[in-house]
C-alpha atoms as a PDB file:
ATOM      1  CA  MET A   1      -9.354   5.200 -37.349  1.00  0.00           C
ATOM      2  CA  ARG A   2      -7.695   4.281 -34.219  1.00  0.00           C
ATOM      3  CA  ARG A   3      -6.992   0.338 -34.022  1.00  0.00           C
ATOM      4  CA  ASN A   4      -8.540  -1.103 -31.058  1.00  0.00           C
ATOM      5  CA  TYR A   5      -5.943  -3.438 -29.751  1.00  0.00           C
ATOM      6  CA  LYS A   6      -7.174  -6.353 -27.804  1.00  0.00           C
ATOM      7  CA  CYS A   7      -4.352  -7.446 -25.703  1.00  0.00           C
ATOM      8  CA  ALA A   8      -1.008  -5.770 -25.709  1.00  0.00           C
ATOM      9  CA  PRO A   9       0.976  -6.221 -29.025  1.00  0.00           C
ATOM     10  CA  LEU A  10       4.389  -6.972 -27.573  1.00  0.00           C
ATOM     11  CA  PRO A  11       4.276  -9.632 -24.397  1.00  0.00           C
ATOM     12  CA  PHE A  12       4.288  -8.616 -20.978  1.00  0.00           C
ATOM     13  CA  MET A  13       3.301 -10.568 -17.656  1.00  0.00           C
ATOM     14  CA  GLY A  14      -0.248  -9.661 -16.153  1.00  0.00           C
ATOM     15  CA  GLN A  15      -1.500  -7.757 -19.192  1.00  0.00           C
ATOM     16  CA  LYS A  16      -5.382  -7.381 -18.064  1.00  0.00           C
ATOM     17  CA  ARG A  17      -6.652  -8.197 -21.617  1.00  0.00           C
ATOM     18  CA  TYR A  18      -9.392 -10.676 -19.355  1.00  0.00           C
ATOM     19  CA  PHE A  19     -10.703  -7.831 -17.774  1.00  0.00           C
ATOM     20  CA  LEU A  20     -10.991  -5.737 -21.149  1.00  0.00           C
ATOM     21  CA  ARG A  21     -14.746  -6.191 -20.965  1.00  0.00           C
ATOM     22  CA  ASP A  22     -15.512  -5.261 -17.326  1.00  0.00           C
ATOM     23  CA  PHE A  23     -12.974  -2.631 -17.568  1.00  0.00           C
ATOM     24  CA  THR A  24     -14.856  -0.974 -20.147  1.00  0.00           C
ATOM     25  CA  GLU A  25     -18.046  -1.132 -18.298  1.00  0.00           C
ATOM     26  CA  VAL A  26     -16.688   1.009 -15.399  1.00  0.00           C
ATOM     27  CA  LEU A  27     -14.879   3.157 -18.434  1.00  0.00           C
ATOM     28  CA  GLU A  28     -18.579   3.514 -19.186  1.00  0.00           C
ATOM     29  CA  GLN A  29     -20.205   4.233 -16.111  1.00  0.00           C
ATOM     30  CA  VAL A  30     -18.152   7.101 -15.341  1.00  0.00           C
ATOM     31  CA  THR A  31     -18.565   8.596 -18.776  1.00  0.00           C
ATOM     32  CA  GLY A  32     -19.478  13.309 -18.318  1.00  0.00           C
ATOM     33  CA  TYR A  33     -17.640  12.485 -14.034  1.00  0.00           C
ATOM     34  CA  VAL A  34     -14.021  12.271 -14.906  1.00  0.00           C
ATOM     35  CA  ASP A  35     -11.750  14.620 -17.667  1.00  0.00           C
ATOM     36  CA  THR A  36      -8.426  12.141 -16.753  1.00  0.00           C
ATOM     37  CA  VAL A  37      -7.372   9.293 -16.279  1.00  0.00           C
ATOM     38  CA  VAL A  38      -4.264   7.928 -14.706  1.00  0.00           C
ATOM     39  CA  ASP A  39      -2.980   4.661 -15.251  1.00  0.00           C
ATOM     40  CA  LEU A  40      -0.175   4.303 -12.143  1.00  0.00           C
ATOM     41  CA  PHE A  41       0.858   0.948 -13.171  1.00  0.00           C
ATOM     42  CA  GLY A  42       0.578   0.965 -16.786  1.00  0.00           C
ATOM     43  CA  GLY A  43       2.308  -2.026 -17.673  1.00  0.00           C
ATOM     44  CA  SER A  44       1.913  -3.012 -21.255  1.00  0.00           C
ATOM     45  CA  GLY A  45      -0.507   0.353 -21.609  1.00  0.00           C
ATOM     46  CA  LEU A  46      -2.930  -2.026 -22.656  1.00  0.00           C
ATOM     47  CA  LEU A  47      -5.445  -0.042 -19.693  1.00  0.00           C
ATOM     48  CA  SER A  48      -4.694   3.049 -20.825  1.00  0.00           C
ATOM     49  CA  HIS A  49      -5.095   2.143 -24.556  1.00  0.00           C
ATOM     50  CA  THR A  50      -8.411   0.829 -24.045  1.00  0.00           C
ATOM     51  CA  THR A  51      -9.213   3.525 -21.932  1.00  0.00           C
ATOM     52  CA  LYS A  52      -8.676   6.727 -24.614  1.00  0.00           C
ATOM     53  CA  HIS A  53     -10.652   4.332 -27.164  1.00  0.00           C
ATOM     54  CA  VAL A  54     -13.621   3.648 -24.344  1.00  0.00           C
ATOM     55  CA  LEU A  55     -13.324   7.501 -23.493  1.00  0.00           C
ATOM     56  CA  PRO A  56     -11.582   9.411 -26.627  1.00  0.00           C
ATOM     57  CA  SER A  57     -12.889  13.075 -24.893  1.00  0.00           C
ATOM     58  CA  CYS A  58     -10.333  12.534 -21.636  1.00  0.00           C
ATOM     59  CA  ARG A  59      -7.060  13.053 -20.825  1.00  0.00           C
ATOM     60  CA  VAL A  60      -4.853   9.265 -20.087  1.00  0.00           C
ATOM     61  CA  VAL A  61      -2.112   9.199 -18.164  1.00  0.00           C
ATOM     62  CA  TYR A  62       0.057   6.169 -18.870  1.00  0.00           C
ATOM     63  CA  ASN A  63       3.113   6.187 -16.043  1.00  0.00           C
ATOM     64  CA  ASP A  64       5.362   3.104 -18.692  1.00  0.00           C
ATOM     65  CA  PHE A  65       7.561   2.871 -15.360  1.00  0.00           C
ATOM     66  CA  ASP A  66       8.673  -1.275 -17.413  1.00  0.00           C
ATOM     67  CA  ARG A  67      10.143   0.971 -20.667  1.00  0.00           C
ATOM     68  CA  TYR A  68       7.475  -1.097 -22.572  1.00  0.00           C
ATOM     69  CA  VAL A  69       8.354   2.427 -25.009  1.00  0.00           C
ATOM     70  CA  ASP A  70      11.766   1.398 -25.618  1.00  0.00           C
ATOM     71  CA  ARG A  71      10.279  -2.399 -26.461  1.00  0.00           C
ATOM     72  CA  LEU A  72       7.293  -0.742 -28.838  1.00  0.00           C
ATOM     73  CA  ALA A  73      10.411   1.358 -30.885  1.00  0.00           C
ATOM     74  CA  ALA A  74      12.640  -1.931 -31.492  1.00  0.00           C
ATOM     75  CA  VAL A  75       9.600  -3.866 -32.497  1.00  0.00           C
ATOM     76  CA  GLU A  76      11.485  -3.569 -36.312  1.00  0.00           C
ATOM     77  CA  GLN A  77      14.690  -5.069 -35.005  1.00  0.00           C
ATOM     78  CA  THR A  78      12.265  -8.015 -33.004  1.00  0.00           C
ATOM     79  CA  ASN A  79      10.959  -8.985 -36.061  1.00  0.00           C
ATOM     80  CA  GLU A  80      13.920  -9.107 -38.140  1.00  0.00           C
ATOM     81  CA  ILE A  81      15.392 -11.039 -35.435  1.00  0.00           C
ATOM     82  CA  LEU A  82      12.503 -13.797 -35.124  1.00  0.00           C
ATOM     83  CA  ARG A  83      12.938 -13.959 -39.067  1.00  0.00           C
ATOM     84  CA  ALA A  84      16.653 -14.392 -38.819  1.00  0.00           C
ATOM     85  CA  ILE A  85      15.435 -17.554 -36.075  1.00  0.00           C
ATOM     86  CA  LYS A  86      13.145 -18.559 -38.225  1.00  0.00           C
ATOM     87  CA  GLN A  87      15.179 -19.363 -40.838  1.00  0.00           C
ATOM     88  CA  CYS A  88      17.951 -20.638 -39.162  1.00  0.00           C
ATOM     89  CA  LEU A  89      15.520 -23.260 -37.493  1.00  0.00           C
ATOM     90  CA  ILE A  90      13.725 -24.579 -41.284  1.00  0.00           C
ATOM     91  CA  GLY A  91      13.083 -28.405 -40.933  1.00  0.00           C
ATOM     92  CA  VAL A  92      12.633 -28.065 -37.460  1.00  0.00           C
ATOM     93  CA  GLU A  93       8.855 -29.158 -35.951  1.00  0.00           C
ATOM     94  CA  ALA A  94       6.635 -26.164 -33.628  1.00  0.00           C
ATOM     95  CA  ASN A  95       7.202 -26.654 -30.245  1.00  0.00           C
ATOM     96  CA  GLN A  96      10.072 -28.919 -30.827  1.00  0.00           C
ATOM     97  CA  ARG A  97      13.212 -28.925 -28.593  1.00  0.00           C
ATOM     98  CA  LEU A  98      16.546 -27.277 -30.059  1.00  0.00           C
ATOM     99  CA  THR A  99      19.935 -29.255 -30.139  1.00  0.00           C
ATOM    100  CA  ASP A 100      22.613 -28.052 -28.820  1.00  0.00           C
ATOM    101  CA  ALA A 101      24.081 -26.084 -31.803  1.00  0.00           C
ATOM    102  CA  GLN A 102      20.805 -24.849 -32.888  1.00  0.00           C
ATOM    103  CA  ARG A 103      20.252 -23.315 -30.152  1.00  0.00           C
ATOM    104  CA  ALA A 104      23.595 -21.523 -29.859  1.00  0.00           C
ATOM    105  CA  ASN A 105      22.831 -20.253 -33.431  1.00  0.00           C
ATOM    106  CA  VAL A 106      19.667 -18.682 -31.640  1.00  0.00           C
ATOM    107  CA  LEU A 107      21.710 -17.029 -29.141  1.00  0.00           C
ATOM    108  CA  GLU A 108      24.673 -15.925 -31.576  1.00  0.00           C
ATOM    109  CA  ILE A 109      21.940 -14.163 -34.143  1.00  0.00           C
ATOM    110  CA  VAL A 110      20.737 -11.959 -30.824  1.00  0.00           C
ATOM    111  CA  ALA A 111      24.271 -11.767 -29.504  1.00  0.00           C
ATOM    112  CA  ALA A 112      25.289  -9.733 -32.557  1.00  0.00           C
ATOM    113  CA  TYR A 113      21.651  -7.782 -32.520  1.00  0.00           C
ATOM    114  CA  GLU A 114      22.896  -6.659 -29.092  1.00  0.00           C
ATOM    115  CA  GLN A 115      26.679  -5.678 -29.784  1.00  0.00           C
ATOM    116  CA  ARG A 116      25.370  -4.255 -33.074  1.00  0.00           C
ATOM    117  CA  ASP A 117      22.101  -2.154 -31.755  1.00  0.00           C
ATOM    118  CA  GLY A 118      23.247  -2.011 -28.099  1.00  0.00           C
ATOM    119  CA  TYR A 119      19.019  -2.873 -27.223  1.00  0.00           C
ATOM    120  CA  VAL A 120      17.419  -6.320 -28.135  1.00  0.00           C
ATOM    121  CA  ASP A 121      13.727  -6.558 -26.669  1.00  0.00           C
ATOM    122  CA  ILE A 122      14.825 -10.407 -24.666  1.00  0.00           C
ATOM    123  CA  MET A 123      11.958 -10.599 -23.592  1.00  0.00           C
ATOM    124  CA  THR A 124       9.770 -10.953 -26.526  1.00  0.00           C
ATOM    125  CA  ILE A 125      12.298 -13.035 -28.473  1.00  0.00           C
ATOM    126  CA  GLY A 126      12.337 -15.574 -24.941  1.00  0.00           C
ATOM    127  CA  ARG A 127       8.395 -15.895 -25.784  1.00  0.00           C
ATOM    128  CA  ASN A 128       9.132 -17.183 -28.882  1.00  0.00           C
ATOM    129  CA  VAL A 129      11.964 -19.541 -27.883  1.00  0.00           C
ATOM    130  CA  LEU A 130      11.444 -21.023 -24.041  1.00  0.00           C
ATOM    131  CA  PHE A 131       8.581 -23.109 -22.903  1.00  0.00           C
ATOM    132  CA  SER A 132       5.453 -21.270 -22.370  1.00  0.00           C
ATOM    133  CA  GLY A 133       5.845 -19.575 -18.828  1.00  0.00           C
ATOM    134  CA  LYS A 134       8.838 -18.679 -18.521  1.00  0.00           C
ATOM    135  CA  TRP A 135      10.447 -14.814 -18.759  1.00  0.00           C
ATOM    136  CA  VAL A 136      13.605 -13.485 -19.377  1.00  0.00           C
ATOM    137  CA  LYS A 137      14.777  -9.890 -19.292  1.00  0.00           C
ATOM    138  CA  THR A 138      18.726 -10.268 -19.674  1.00  0.00           C
ATOM    139  CA  LEU A 139      20.705 -12.087 -22.963  1.00  0.00           C
ATOM    140  CA  GLU A 140      22.698 -13.868 -19.904  1.00  0.00           C
ATOM    141  CA  GLU A 141      19.722 -14.948 -18.583  1.00  0.00           C
ATOM    142  CA  LEU A 142      18.113 -16.093 -22.039  1.00  0.00           C
ATOM    143  CA  ARG A 143      21.513 -18.509 -21.857  1.00  0.00           C
ATOM    144  CA  LYS A 144      20.479 -20.394 -18.915  1.00  0.00           C
ATOM    145  CA  HIS A 145      17.456 -21.475 -20.370  1.00  0.00           C
ATOM    146  CA  THR A 146      16.462 -24.854 -22.745  1.00  0.00           C
ATOM    147  CA  MET A 147      14.893 -23.347 -26.058  1.00  0.00           C
ATOM    148  CA  TYR A 148      12.227 -25.031 -28.329  1.00  0.00           C
ATOM    149  CA  ASN A 149      10.886 -24.147 -31.473  1.00  0.00           C
ATOM    150  CA  ARG A 150       7.869 -21.063 -30.237  1.00  0.00           C
ATOM    151  CA  VAL A 151       8.611 -18.412 -33.337  1.00  0.00           C
ATOM    152  CA  ARG A 152       5.227 -17.049 -34.140  1.00  0.00           C
ATOM    153  CA  PRO A 153       3.897 -17.135 -37.860  1.00  0.00           C
ATOM    154  CA  GLY A 154       3.391 -13.419 -38.143  1.00  0.00           C
ATOM    155  CA  ALA A 155       5.044 -10.168 -37.556  1.00  0.00           C
ATOM    156  CA  TYR A 156       4.709  -8.253 -34.569  1.00  0.00           C
ATOM    157  CA  GLU A 157       2.539  -4.359 -35.182  1.00  0.00           C
ATOM    158  CA  CYS A 158       2.323  -1.759 -33.130  1.00  0.00           C
ATOM    159  CA  GLU A 159       0.819   0.977 -34.940  1.00  0.00           C
ATOM    160  CA  GLY A 160      -1.200   3.481 -33.909  1.00  0.00           C
ATOM    161  CA  TYR A 161      -1.187   1.531 -30.048  1.00  0.00           C
ATOM    162  CA  LEU A 162       0.048   4.479 -27.345  1.00  0.00           C
ATOM    163  CA  ASP A 163      -1.887   7.321 -30.193  1.00  0.00           C
ATOM    164  CA  GLY A 164      -3.549  10.270 -27.366  1.00  0.00           C
ATOM    165  CA  LEU A 165      -2.370   8.741 -24.659  1.00  0.00           C
ATOM    166  CA  GLU A 166      -0.006  11.090 -22.452  1.00  0.00           C
ATOM    167  CA  VAL A 167       3.225   9.022 -21.541  1.00  0.00           C
ATOM    168  CA  VAL A 168       5.163   9.233 -18.261  1.00  0.00           C
ATOM    169  CA  HIS A 169       7.877   7.479 -16.505  1.00  0.00           C
ATOM    170  CA  MET A 170       7.483   8.251 -12.780  1.00  0.00           C
ATOM    171  CA  ASP A 171       7.049   6.704  -9.555  1.00  0.00           C
ATOM    172  CA  TYR A 172       3.441   5.740  -8.838  1.00  0.00           C
ATOM    173  CA  ARG A 173       3.646   8.255  -5.647  1.00  0.00           C
ATOM    174  CA  GLU A 174       5.241  11.168  -7.360  1.00  0.00           C
ATOM    175  CA  LEU A 175       2.654  10.778 -10.390  1.00  0.00           C
ATOM    176  CA  PHE A 176      -0.130  10.519  -6.779  1.00  0.00           C
ATOM    177  CA  GLU A 177       0.824  13.349  -5.825  1.00  0.00           C
ATOM    178  CA  ARG A 178       1.023  15.169  -9.736  1.00  0.00           C
ATOM    179  CA  GLU A 179      -2.903  14.608 -10.094  1.00  0.00           C
ATOM    180  CA  LYS A 180      -4.750  13.731  -7.068  1.00  0.00           C
ATOM    181  CA  ASN A 181      -6.467  17.461  -6.396  1.00  0.00           C
ATOM    182  CA  ASN A 182      -8.710  16.718  -9.557  1.00  0.00           C
ATOM    183  CA  SER A 183     -11.741  15.739  -8.320  1.00  0.00           C
ATOM    184  CA  LYS A 184     -12.260  14.652 -11.901  1.00  0.00           C
ATOM    185  CA  THR A 185     -10.023  11.854 -12.267  1.00  0.00           C
ATOM    186  CA  LEU A 186      -9.990   8.698 -11.900  1.00  0.00           C
ATOM    187  CA  PHE A 187      -7.094   6.353 -10.960  1.00  0.00           C
ATOM    188  CA  VAL A 188      -6.027   2.611 -12.265  1.00  0.00           C
ATOM    189  CA  LEU A 189      -4.322   1.013 -10.278  1.00  0.00           C
ATOM    190  CA  ASP A 190      -2.832  -2.798 -11.338  1.00  0.00           C
ATOM    191  CA  PRO A 191       0.529  -3.053  -8.901  1.00  0.00           C
ATOM    192  CA  PRO A 192       2.853  -5.897  -9.277  1.00  0.00           C
ATOM    193  CA  TYR A 193       0.843  -8.987  -6.835  1.00  0.00           C
ATOM    194  CA  LEU A 194       1.922  -9.777  -3.760  1.00  0.00           C
ATOM    195  CA  THR A 195       4.335 -12.878  -3.494  1.00  0.00           C
ATOM    196  CA  THR A 196       4.946 -12.873  -7.610  1.00  0.00           C
ATOM    197  CA  GLU A 197       6.640 -11.044 -10.329  1.00  0.00           C
ATOM    198  CA  CYS A 198       7.391  -7.273  -9.494  1.00  0.00           C
ATOM    199  CA  GLY A 199       8.662  -6.233 -12.426  1.00  0.00           C
ATOM    200  CA  GLN A 200      11.020  -3.197 -12.488  1.00  0.00           C
ATOM    201  CA  TYR A 201       9.550  -2.913  -9.125  1.00  0.00           C
ATOM    202  CA  GLU A 202      11.395  -5.744  -8.012  1.00  0.00           C
ATOM    203  CA  SER A 203      14.222  -3.598  -6.368  1.00  0.00           C
ATOM    204  CA  TYR A 204      12.186  -2.096  -3.168  1.00  0.00           C
ATOM    205  CA  TRP A 205       8.716  -3.674  -3.809  1.00  0.00           C
ATOM    206  CA  LYS A 206       7.933  -4.675  -0.108  1.00  0.00           C
ATOM    207  CA  LEU A 207       4.623  -5.071   1.846  1.00  0.00           C
ATOM    208  CA  THR A 208       4.660  -2.039   3.049  1.00  0.00           C
ATOM    209  CA  ASP A 209       4.648  -0.689  -0.622  1.00  0.00           C
ATOM    210  CA  TYR A 210       0.921  -2.746  -1.247  1.00  0.00           C
ATOM    211  CA  LEU A 211       0.210  -0.917   2.185  1.00  0.00           C
ATOM    212  CA  ASN A 212       1.080   2.836   0.987  1.00  0.00           C
ATOM    213  CA  VAL A 213      -0.763   1.875  -2.055  1.00  0.00           C
ATOM    214  CA  LEU A 214      -3.602   1.928  -0.004  1.00  0.00           C
ATOM    215  CA  ARG A 215      -3.859   4.750   1.571  1.00  0.00           C
ATOM    216  CA  LEU A 216      -3.954   6.455  -2.739  1.00  0.00           C
ATOM    217  CA  LEU A 217      -7.531   4.433  -1.939  1.00  0.00           C
ATOM    218  CA  HIS A 218      -8.944   7.129   0.769  1.00  0.00           C
ATOM    219  CA  GLY A 219     -11.159   9.773  -0.945  1.00  0.00           C
ATOM    220  CA  THR A 220     -10.597   8.945  -4.375  1.00  0.00           C
ATOM    221  CA  LYS A 221     -12.181   7.239  -7.617  1.00  0.00           C
ATOM    222  CA  TRP A 222     -10.089   3.713  -8.641  1.00  0.00           C
ATOM    223  CA  VAL A 223     -10.374   0.860  -9.733  1.00  0.00           C
ATOM    224  CA  TYR A 224      -7.749  -1.759  -8.466  1.00  0.00           C
ATOM    225  CA  PHE A 225      -6.703  -5.051  -9.817  1.00  0.00           C
ATOM    226  CA  THR A 226      -5.508  -7.690  -7.499  1.00  0.00           C
ATOM    227  CA  SER A 227      -5.566 -11.938  -6.760  1.00  0.00           C
ATOM    228  CA  ASP A 228      -6.699 -13.794  -4.105  1.00  0.00           C
ATOM    229  CA  LYS A 229      -2.631 -15.207  -4.467  1.00  0.00           C
ATOM    230  CA  SER A 230      -2.253 -11.542  -2.708  1.00  0.00           C
ATOM    231  CA  GLN A 231      -3.286 -11.257   1.073  1.00  0.00           C
ATOM    232  CA  ILE A 232      -4.415  -7.658  -0.002  1.00  0.00           C
ATOM    233  CA  VAL A 233      -7.755  -8.370   0.043  1.00  0.00           C
ATOM    234  CA  GLU A 234      -8.045 -10.522   2.745  1.00  0.00           C
ATOM    235  CA  LEU A 235      -6.569  -7.838   4.476  1.00  0.00           C
ATOM    236  CA  CYS A 236      -9.038  -5.580   3.701  1.00  0.00           C
ATOM    237  CA  ASN A 237     -12.356  -7.334   4.597  1.00  0.00           C
ATOM    238  CA  TRP A 238     -10.234  -7.284   8.018  1.00  0.00           C
ATOM    239  CA  LEU A 239      -9.852  -3.919   7.975  1.00  0.00           C
ATOM    240  CA  GLY A 240     -13.329  -3.326   6.789  1.00  0.00           C
ATOM    241  CA  LYS A 241     -14.788  -5.414   9.850  1.00  0.00           C
ATOM    242  CA  ASN A 242     -12.815  -4.538  12.240  1.00  0.00           C
ATOM    243  CA  PHE A 243     -12.449  -0.142  11.190  1.00  0.00           C
ATOM    244  CA  GLY A 244     -15.497  -0.057   8.869  1.00  0.00           C
ATOM    245  CA  GLU A 245     -15.945   2.946   6.524  1.00  0.00           C
ATOM    246  CA  ALA A 246     -12.647   3.583   7.638  1.00  0.00           C
ATOM    247  CA  ALA A 247     -10.838   0.976   5.573  1.00  0.00           C
ATOM    248  CA  PRO A 248      -9.152   1.444   2.278  1.00  0.00           C
ATOM    249  CA  MET A 249     -11.489  -1.196   0.025  1.00  0.00           C
ATOM    250  CA  TRP A 250     -15.185   0.051   2.669  1.00  0.00           C
ATOM    251  CA  GLY A 251     -18.071  -0.343  -0.025  1.00  0.00           C
ATOM    252  CA  ALA A 252     -16.352  -0.951  -3.067  1.00  0.00           C
ATOM    253  CA  GLN A 253     -17.815  -3.947  -5.705  1.00  0.00           C
ATOM    254  CA  ILE A 254     -15.627  -6.928  -6.230  1.00  0.00           C
ATOM    255  CA  ARG A 255     -15.616  -8.241 -10.133  1.00  0.00           C
ATOM    256  CA  GLN A 256     -13.284 -11.938 -10.114  1.00  0.00           C
ATOM    257  CA  ARG A 257     -12.602 -14.260 -12.827  1.00  0.00           C
ATOM    258  CA  THR A 258     -10.716 -17.491 -12.970  1.00  0.00           C
ATOM    259  CA  ASN A 259      -7.629 -18.014 -14.560  1.00  0.00           C
ATOM    260  CA  THR A 260      -6.436 -21.436 -14.680  1.00  0.00           C
ATOM    261  CA  LEU A 261      -2.471 -22.324 -15.328  1.00  0.00           C
ATOM    262  CA  ASN A 262      -2.495 -26.461 -15.774  1.00  0.00           C
ATOM    263  CA  TYR A 263      -4.907 -29.281 -14.993  1.00  0.00           C
ATOM    264  CA  GLN A 264      -3.552 -28.593 -11.495  1.00  0.00           C
ATOM    265  CA  ALA A 265      -3.418 -25.062 -10.551  1.00  0.00           C
ATOM    266  CA  GLN A 266      -5.477 -21.996 -10.761  1.00  0.00           C
ATOM    267  CA  PHE A 267      -6.258 -18.679  -8.741  1.00  0.00           C
ATOM    268  CA  ASN A 268      -8.845 -15.615  -9.321  1.00  0.00           C
ATOM    269  CA  ASP A 269      -7.957 -12.673 -10.570  1.00  0.00           C
ATOM    270  CA  MET A 270     -10.323  -9.163  -9.369  1.00  0.00           C
ATOM    271  CA  MET A 271     -10.940  -6.192 -10.258  1.00  0.00           C
ATOM    272  CA  ILE A 272     -12.383  -3.867  -7.394  1.00  0.00           C
ATOM    273  CA  THR A 273     -13.690  -0.207  -8.102  1.00  0.00           C
ATOM    274  CA  ARG A 274     -15.249   2.685  -5.882  1.00  0.00           C
ATOM    275  CA  LEU A 275     -16.435   5.343  -8.236  1.00  0.00           C
END
């Protein structure tokens, strides 16, 4: 029996694990009405994985623009590196700040693997030695940060996570053009939040790109994720008041949940649907 992951097996900024119950309810609503689900901004693949679990007979296209598959493929190497780091930090209490010498040892371990293999999942390594909320993508970025002993107790596992998915690595616009003519397609859109982390899209992701995504909503079935940190919902409300049914999110349903960052800061994540 296929394992049902409730969160992405490797760390990923912005994965939608807290929306899985709501997302599952939406998928159950379209059972029998869709035969294809296209995850245009696939991220960690958690939404695609969940879709295949809930709708096993559907074709599910996971657009892995962030190359998450490369990180999954390197999971054994990642576990090996973390075991080596844990070994060199014996006696260091959990969450304790590393000394300069301990930090140098960690960097030496990581650098040796990168030199040997040509690739290391720095993002996952970083989540095990950096303070909560810090994300890095390269060894050079990792070198700039204070480190702590936050190495997880067990190994990462990802067996079967992508089973049954059609994995592609495409610009979301090209993928939409390829799939848009099937009236039984449900599009899942989780673009980088405006004013926040843009992942691999950051090289070109501007306000006009967010507006272009809204154009994809016309005449399609869709699930769209955003937050009140973005101005997109405010914009769509304005368009609805001024243009009525022609507005991109006219008649859509909104579900939201509050995320607390710390005792001073919180924001609302939103899942907006029109089926």
